[in-house]
Amino acid sequence: MIGLTIITHADMAKGIQSAMNLILGEQEQFATVGLYEGADFDQFRESVKEAIVGVNDGSGVLILVDLYGASPYNASAYNMSFFQENNIPVRLVTGVNLPMVITAASMRDSFSSVDELYESVMEEAKDGIKEMMQELGM
């Protein structure tokens, strides 16, 4: 099964996990990492690596972070050479939101590669953003 890791500032990842668990139930091969004020970046980067390695069973890991170019993204990106050297297929996607996490968690058994899963997650993330008046044609 493709692993999932959410990496965000503070408790955002835990909050998304809690909401997902309410909807889908507890998930296996799922980890969250939060970056907190005053944290040592090198330790954070190591925690990110350990979380990703910990959810990988050989099928790869989809990494979902909050902001492009921010510390959760940078810590994940910094570890990419390690993942490549150790044959851990990963995809790193920014802008994590609940619809994309639900899609990833509920569909990851349906795909044979993390590359295929990430494409569906990207589509759902975009489709999950709606404005009521426009949807009602007003």
N, C-alpha and C. Protein backbone atom coordinates (compact mmCIF):
# COMPACT_ATOMS: atom_id res chain seq x y z
N MET A 1 0.84 -1.17 0.00
CA MET A 1 0.00 0.00 0.00
C MET A 1 0.89 1.24 0.00
N ILE A 2 0.50 2.24 -0.75
CA ILE A 2 1.25 3.49 -0.81
C ILE A 2 1.09 4.21 0.53
N GLY A 3 2.21 4.65 1.09
CA GLY A 3 2.18 5.37 2.35
C GLY A 3 1.80 6.83 2.17
N LEU A 4 1.28 7.43 3.22
CA LEU A 4 0.91 8.85 3.21
C LEU A 4 1.56 9.54 4.39
N THR A 5 2.14 10.71 4.13
CA THR A 5 2.72 11.53 5.19
C THR A 5 2.29 12.97 4.98
N ILE A 6 1.72 13.58 6.02
CA ILE A 6 1.35 15.00 5.96
C ILE A 6 2.33 15.75 6.85
N ILE A 7 2.91 16.82 6.30
CA ILE A 7 3.90 17.61 7.02
C ILE A 7 3.48 19.08 6.93
N THR A 8 3.25 19.69 8.09
CA THR A 8 2.76 21.06 8.11
C THR A 8 3.37 21.85 9.25
N HIS A 9 3.02 23.11 9.29
CA HIS A 9 3.33 23.94 10.44
C HIS A 9 2.37 23.61 11.57
N ALA A 10 2.89 23.54 12.77
CA ALA A 10 2.12 23.32 14.00
C ALA A 10 1.23 22.09 13.90
N ASP A 11 -0.01 22.18 14.35
CA ASP A 11 -0.90 21.02 14.46
C ASP A 11 -1.83 20.83 13.27
N MET A 12 -1.60 21.53 12.18
CA MET A 12 -2.48 21.40 11.02
C MET A 12 -2.57 19.96 10.53
N ALA A 13 -1.43 19.28 10.45
CA ALA A 13 -1.42 17.89 9.97
C ALA A 13 -2.24 16.99 10.89
N LYS A 14 -2.11 17.18 12.19
CA LYS A 14 -2.89 16.38 13.14
C LYS A 14 -4.38 16.65 12.99
N GLY A 15 -4.74 17.90 12.75
CA GLY A 15 -6.14 18.26 12.56
C GLY A 15 -6.73 17.61 11.32
N ILE A 16 -5.97 17.61 10.23
CA ILE A 16 -6.42 16.96 9.01
C ILE A 16 -6.56 15.46 9.24
N GLN A 17 -5.60 14.88 9.95
CA GLN A 17 -5.67 13.45 10.25
C GLN A 17 -6.91 13.14 11.09
N SER A 18 -7.20 13.96 12.06
CA SER A 18 -8.36 13.75 12.91
C SER A 18 -9.66 13.80 12.10
N ALA A 19 -9.77 14.77 11.21
CA ALA A 19 -10.96 14.88 10.36
C ALA A 19 -11.06 13.68 9.42
N MET A 20 -9.95 13.28 8.84
CA MET A 20 -9.94 12.11 7.94
C MET A 20 -10.36 10.86 8.70
N ASN A 21 -9.84 10.67 9.91
CA ASN A 21 -10.20 9.50 10.71
C ASN A 21 -11.69 9.47 11.01
N LEU A 22 -12.28 10.64 11.24
CA LEU A 22 -13.72 10.72 11.49
C LEU A 22 -14.51 10.23 10.28
N ILE A 23 -14.02 10.54 9.10
CA ILE A 23 -14.72 10.19 7.86
C ILE A 23 -14.41 8.78 7.39
N LEU A 24 -13.13 8.39 7.43
CA LEU A 24 -12.70 7.11 6.86
C LEU A 24 -12.30 6.06 7.89
N GLY A 25 -12.10 6.47 9.12
CA GLY A 25 -11.54 5.57 10.11
C GLY A 25 -10.02 5.68 10.12
N GLU A 26 -9.41 5.09 11.14
CA GLU A 26 -7.95 5.15 11.27
C GLU A 26 -7.28 4.51 10.06
N GLN A 27 -6.15 5.08 9.67
CA GLN A 27 -5.43 4.62 8.49
C GLN A 27 -4.09 4.01 8.87
N GLU A 28 -3.72 2.96 8.18
CA GLU A 28 -2.39 2.37 8.31
C GLU A 28 -1.44 3.11 7.38
N GLN A 29 -0.15 2.97 7.66
CA GLN A 29 0.89 3.58 6.85
C GLN A 29 0.59 5.06 6.61
N PHE A 30 0.32 5.75 7.70
CA PHE A 30 -0.04 7.16 7.66
C PHE A 30 0.69 7.86 8.79
N ALA A 31 1.36 8.96 8.48
CA ALA A 31 2.11 9.69 9.51
C ALA A 31 1.92 11.19 9.33
N THR A 32 2.04 11.90 10.43
CA THR A 32 2.03 13.36 10.39
C THR A 32 3.27 13.87 11.11
N VAL A 33 3.74 15.03 10.64
CA VAL A 33 4.85 15.70 11.30
C VAL A 33 4.51 17.19 11.33
N GLY A 34 4.64 17.79 12.50
CA GLY A 34 4.40 19.22 12.64
C GLY A 34 5.68 19.96 12.99
N LEU A 35 5.81 21.15 12.43
CA LEU A 35 6.94 22.02 12.75
C LEU A 35 6.46 23.06 13.75
N TYR A 36 7.11 23.11 14.88
CA TYR A 36 6.69 24.02 15.95
C TYR A 36 7.73 25.11 16.18
N GLU A 37 7.27 26.22 16.70
CA GLU A 37 8.13 27.36 16.97
C GLU A 37 9.32 26.94 17.82
N GLY A 38 10.49 27.38 17.41
CA GLY A 38 11.71 27.09 18.15
C GLY A 38 12.35 25.75 17.82
N ALA A 39 11.73 24.99 16.92
CA ALA A 39 12.27 23.67 16.58
C ALA A 39 13.60 23.81 15.83
N ASP A 40 14.47 22.87 16.06
CA ASP A 40 15.74 22.79 15.34
C ASP A 40 15.46 22.20 13.95
N PHE A 41 15.85 22.92 12.90
CA PHE A 41 15.51 22.48 11.55
C PHE A 41 16.15 21.14 11.21
N ASP A 42 17.37 20.89 11.64
CA ASP A 42 18.02 19.61 11.34
C ASP A 42 17.26 18.44 11.99
N GLN A 43 16.80 18.64 13.22
CA GLN A 43 16.00 17.60 13.88
C GLN A 43 14.67 17.41 13.16
N PHE A 44 14.05 18.51 12.76
CA PHE A 44 12.79 18.45 12.02
C PHE A 44 12.98 17.68 10.71
N ARG A 45 14.04 18.00 10.00
CA ARG A 45 14.33 17.33 8.73
C ARG A 45 14.51 15.83 8.94
N GLU A 46 15.15 15.45 10.03
CA GLU A 46 15.33 14.03 10.35
C GLU A 46 14.00 13.38 10.71
N SER A 47 13.15 14.07 11.43
CA SER A 47 11.81 13.56 11.78
C SER A 47 10.98 13.33 10.52
N VAL A 48 11.10 14.24 9.58
CA VAL A 48 10.40 14.10 8.30
C VAL A 48 10.87 12.84 7.59
N LYS A 49 12.18 12.66 7.50
CA LYS A 49 12.73 11.48 6.84
C LYS A 49 12.26 10.20 7.52
N GLU A 50 12.32 10.16 8.83
CA GLU A 50 11.91 8.97 9.58
C GLU A 50 10.42 8.66 9.37
N ALA A 51 9.59 9.68 9.34
CA ALA A 51 8.15 9.47 9.13
C ALA A 51 7.89 8.88 7.75
N ILE A 52 8.56 9.39 6.75
CA ILE A 52 8.36 8.92 5.38
C ILE A 52 8.86 7.49 5.24
N VAL A 53 10.04 7.22 5.73
CA VAL A 53 10.59 5.86 5.68
C VAL A 53 9.68 4.90 6.45
N GLY A 54 9.14 5.37 7.55
CA GLY A 54 8.30 4.52 8.41
C GLY A 54 6.99 4.08 7.79
N VAL A 55 6.47 4.83 6.82
CA VAL A 55 5.20 4.44 6.19
C VAL A 55 5.40 3.75 4.84
N ASN A 56 6.64 3.60 4.45
CA ASN A 56 6.93 2.97 3.16
C ASN A 56 7.05 1.45 3.30
N ASP A 57 6.29 0.72 2.49
CA ASP A 57 6.41 -0.74 2.47
C ASP A 57 7.05 -1.21 1.16
N GLY A 58 7.59 -0.26 0.41
CA GLY A 58 8.17 -0.56 -0.89
C GLY A 58 7.34 -0.01 -2.03
N SER A 59 6.10 0.41 -1.72
CA SER A 59 5.20 0.94 -2.75
C SER A 59 5.38 2.44 -2.97
N GLY A 60 6.10 3.09 -2.06
CA GLY A 60 6.30 4.53 -2.18
C GLY A 60 5.45 5.29 -1.20
N VAL A 61 5.67 6.61 -1.20
CA VAL A 61 4.99 7.49 -0.24
C VAL A 61 4.57 8.78 -0.95
N LEU A 62 3.33 9.17 -0.70
CA LEU A 62 2.84 10.48 -1.13
C LEU A 62 3.02 11.42 0.05
N ILE A 63 3.80 12.48 -0.16
CA ILE A 63 4.08 13.48 0.86
C ILE A 63 3.22 14.70 0.57
N LEU A 64 2.42 15.11 1.54
CA LEU A 64 1.55 16.27 1.38
C LEU A 64 1.98 17.33 2.39
N VAL A 65 2.31 18.52 1.90
CA VAL A 65 2.76 19.61 2.78
C VAL A 65 1.85 20.81 2.60
N ASP A 66 1.97 21.77 3.53
CA ASP A 66 1.06 22.91 3.48
C ASP A 66 1.48 23.99 2.48
N LEU A 67 2.71 24.44 2.51
CA LEU A 67 3.12 25.58 1.70
C LEU A 67 4.35 25.29 0.84
N TYR A 68 4.28 25.67 -0.40
CA TYR A 68 5.42 25.54 -1.30
C TYR A 68 6.55 26.45 -0.82
N GLY A 69 7.73 25.90 -0.72
CA GLY A 69 8.92 26.68 -0.37
C GLY A 69 9.10 26.94 1.12
N ALA A 70 8.15 26.51 1.95
CA ALA A 70 8.28 26.72 3.39
C ALA A 70 9.03 25.53 4.01
N SER A 71 9.27 25.59 5.30
CA SER A 71 10.11 24.60 5.97
C SER A 71 9.63 23.15 5.82
N PRO A 72 8.33 22.84 5.95
CA PRO A 72 7.91 21.45 5.73
C PRO A 72 8.25 20.96 4.31
N TYR A 73 8.06 21.81 3.34
CA TYR A 73 8.42 21.49 1.96
C TYR A 73 9.94 21.32 1.84
N ASN A 74 10.68 22.26 2.38
CA ASN A 74 12.14 22.22 2.27
C ASN A 74 12.73 21.00 2.96
N ALA A 75 12.20 20.64 4.12
CA ALA A 75 12.69 19.46 4.84
C ALA A 75 12.44 18.19 4.02
N SER A 76 11.29 18.13 3.37
CA SER A 76 10.97 16.98 2.52
C SER A 76 11.87 16.96 1.29
N ALA A 77 12.00 18.09 0.65
CA ALA A 77 12.83 18.19 -0.56
C ALA A 77 14.29 17.88 -0.26
N TYR A 78 14.77 18.30 0.89
CA TYR A 78 16.15 18.04 1.28
C TYR A 78 16.44 16.54 1.32
N ASN A 79 15.46 15.75 1.68
CA ASN A 79 15.64 14.30 1.81
C ASN A 79 15.46 13.53 0.49
N MET A 80 15.15 14.20 -0.59
CA MET A 80 14.87 13.51 -1.85
C MET A 80 16.04 12.63 -2.32
N SER A 81 17.25 13.11 -2.17
CA SER A 81 18.38 12.28 -2.62
C SER A 81 18.47 10.99 -1.79
N PHE A 82 18.18 11.07 -0.50
CA PHE A 82 18.15 9.86 0.34
C PHE A 82 17.10 8.89 -0.17
N PHE A 83 15.90 9.39 -0.48
CA PHE A 83 14.83 8.52 -0.97
C PHE A 83 15.22 7.87 -2.30
N GLN A 84 15.82 8.64 -3.18
CA GLN A 84 16.25 8.08 -4.47
C GLN A 84 17.33 7.03 -4.28
N GLU A 85 18.32 7.32 -3.45
CA GLU A 85 19.40 6.37 -3.19
C GLU A 85 18.91 5.07 -2.58
N ASN A 86 17.80 5.14 -1.84
CA ASN A 86 17.25 3.97 -1.16
C ASN A 86 16.01 3.41 -1.86
N ASN A 87 15.82 3.81 -3.11
CA ASN A 87 14.72 3.30 -3.94
C ASN A 87 13.35 3.43 -3.28
N ILE A 88 13.11 4.59 -2.69
CA ILE A 88 11.81 4.89 -2.10
C ILE A 88 11.12 5.88 -3.03
N PRO A 89 10.14 5.41 -3.81
CA PRO A 89 9.44 6.34 -4.71
C PRO A 89 8.58 7.31 -3.90
N VAL A 90 8.76 8.59 -4.12
CA VAL A 90 7.97 9.60 -3.43
C VAL A 90 7.49 10.66 -4.41
N ARG A 91 6.39 11.29 -4.06
CA ARG A 91 5.91 12.49 -4.74
C ARG A 91 5.61 13.49 -3.64
N LEU A 92 5.98 14.73 -3.86
CA LEU A 92 5.81 15.81 -2.89
C LEU A 92 4.82 16.81 -3.46
N VAL A 93 3.68 16.96 -2.77
CA VAL A 93 2.60 17.83 -3.24
C VAL A 93 2.32 18.88 -2.18
N THR A 94 2.17 20.13 -2.60
CA THR A 94 1.88 21.23 -1.68
C THR A 94 0.39 21.57 -1.68
N GLY A 95 -0.01 22.37 -0.71
CA GLY A 95 -1.40 22.82 -0.63
C GLY A 95 -2.33 21.80 -0.04
N VAL A 96 -1.85 21.02 0.92
CA VAL A 96 -2.65 19.93 1.48
C VAL A 96 -4.01 20.45 1.96
N ASN A 97 -5.05 19.69 1.62
CA ASN A 97 -6.40 19.99 2.10
C ASN A 97 -7.13 18.67 2.34
N LEU A 98 -8.24 18.72 3.04
CA LEU A 98 -8.95 17.51 3.42
C LEU A 98 -9.43 16.69 2.23
N PRO A 99 -10.01 17.29 1.17
CA PRO A 99 -10.43 16.47 0.04
C PRO A 99 -9.29 15.66 -0.59
N MET A 100 -8.11 16.26 -0.69
CA MET A 100 -7.01 15.51 -1.30
C MET A 100 -6.52 14.39 -0.38
N VAL A 101 -6.57 14.60 0.93
CA VAL A 101 -6.15 13.55 1.86
C VAL A 101 -7.14 12.39 1.84
N ILE A 102 -8.43 12.70 1.80
CA ILE A 102 -9.44 11.65 1.73
C ILE A 102 -9.29 10.85 0.44
N THR A 103 -9.07 11.54 -0.67
CA THR A 103 -8.84 10.85 -1.94
C THR A 103 -7.62 9.95 -1.85
N ALA A 104 -6.52 10.48 -1.34
CA ALA A 104 -5.28 9.70 -1.24
C ALA A 104 -5.48 8.47 -0.36
N ALA A 105 -6.11 8.67 0.80
CA ALA A 105 -6.28 7.56 1.74
C ALA A 105 -7.24 6.51 1.20
N SER A 106 -8.28 6.93 0.52
CA SER A 106 -9.29 5.97 0.07
C SER A 106 -8.93 5.30 -1.26
N MET A 107 -8.01 5.88 -2.01
CA MET A 107 -7.68 5.33 -3.33
C MET A 107 -6.29 4.71 -3.43
N ARG A 108 -5.50 4.79 -2.39
CA ARG A 108 -4.10 4.35 -2.52
C ARG A 108 -3.96 2.86 -2.75
N ASP A 109 -4.95 2.06 -2.40
CA ASP A 109 -4.92 0.62 -2.72
C ASP A 109 -5.25 0.35 -4.18
N SER A 110 -5.83 1.34 -4.86
CA SER A 110 -6.28 1.17 -6.24
C SER A 110 -5.17 1.41 -7.26
N PHE A 111 -4.06 1.96 -6.82
CA PHE A 111 -2.98 2.33 -7.74
C PHE A 111 -1.73 1.51 -7.45
N SER A 112 -1.01 1.21 -8.51
CA SER A 112 0.21 0.43 -8.36
C SER A 112 1.44 1.30 -8.12
N SER A 113 1.29 2.61 -8.35
CA SER A 113 2.45 3.48 -8.14
C SER A 113 2.02 4.80 -7.51
N VAL A 114 2.94 5.40 -6.80
CA VAL A 114 2.70 6.69 -6.19
C VAL A 114 2.50 7.76 -7.26
N ASP A 115 3.09 7.57 -8.43
CA ASP A 115 2.91 8.52 -9.53
C ASP A 115 1.45 8.56 -9.99
N GLU A 116 0.81 7.41 -10.08
CA GLU A 116 -0.60 7.36 -10.48
C GLU A 116 -1.49 7.98 -9.40
N LEU A 117 -1.20 7.68 -8.14
CA LEU A 117 -2.01 8.22 -7.05
C LEU A 117 -1.91 9.74 -7.01
N TYR A 118 -0.72 10.26 -7.15
CA TYR A 118 -0.54 11.71 -7.04
C TYR A 118 -1.36 12.45 -8.08
N GLU A 119 -1.48 11.88 -9.28
CA GLU A 119 -2.27 12.55 -10.33
C GLU A 119 -3.74 12.66 -9.91
N SER A 120 -4.30 11.62 -9.33
CA SER A 120 -5.69 11.66 -8.87
C SER A 120 -5.86 12.64 -7.72
N VAL A 121 -4.89 12.66 -6.83
CA VAL A 121 -4.94 13.57 -5.70
C VAL A 121 -4.88 15.02 -6.17
N MET A 122 -4.02 15.30 -7.14
CA MET A 122 -3.92 16.66 -7.67
C MET A 122 -5.25 17.10 -8.28
N GLU A 123 -5.88 16.23 -9.02
CA GLU A 123 -7.16 16.55 -9.65
C GLU A 123 -8.23 16.82 -8.58
N GLU A 124 -8.29 15.97 -7.56
CA GLU A 124 -9.28 16.16 -6.50
C GLU A 124 -9.03 17.44 -5.73
N ALA A 125 -7.78 17.77 -5.50
CA ALA A 125 -7.46 19.00 -4.78
C ALA A 125 -8.00 20.21 -5.53
N LYS A 126 -7.85 20.21 -6.83
CA LYS A 126 -8.35 21.32 -7.64
C LYS A 126 -9.88 21.31 -7.70
N ASP A 127 -10.46 20.14 -7.90
CA ASP A 127 -11.92 20.02 -8.00
C ASP A 127 -12.62 20.28 -6.67
N GLY A 128 -11.92 20.11 -5.57
CA GLY A 128 -12.52 20.28 -4.25
C GLY A 128 -12.71 21.73 -3.84
N ILE A 129 -12.21 22.66 -4.65
CA ILE A 129 -12.36 24.08 -4.33
C ILE A 129 -13.55 24.62 -5.11
N LYS A 130 -14.56 25.05 -4.37
CA LYS A 130 -15.80 25.51 -5.00
C LYS A 130 -16.29 26.76 -4.29
N GLU A 131 -17.11 27.52 -4.99
CA GLU A 131 -17.78 28.69 -4.42
C GLU A 131 -19.27 28.48 -4.62
N MET A 132 -20.05 28.60 -3.56
CA MET A 132 -21.45 28.24 -3.57
C MET A 132 -22.26 28.94 -4.65
N MET A 133 -22.16 30.26 -4.76
CA MET A 133 -22.97 31.00 -5.74
C MET A 133 -22.66 30.54 -7.16
N GLN A 134 -21.41 30.34 -7.45
CA GLN A 134 -21.04 29.86 -8.78
C GLN A 134 -21.57 28.45 -9.03
N GLU A 135 -21.49 27.59 -8.03
CA GLU A 135 -21.99 26.23 -8.17
C GLU A 135 -23.51 26.19 -8.38
N LEU A 136 -24.21 27.15 -7.79
CA LEU A 136 -25.66 27.24 -7.94
C LEU A 136 -26.06 28.02 -9.21
N GLY A 137 -25.06 28.52 -9.93
CA GLY A 137 -25.34 29.27 -11.15
C GLY A 137 -25.92 30.65 -10.89
N MET A 138 -25.60 31.24 -9.78
CA MET A 138 -26.14 32.56 -9.42
C MET A 138 -25.15 33.65 -9.70
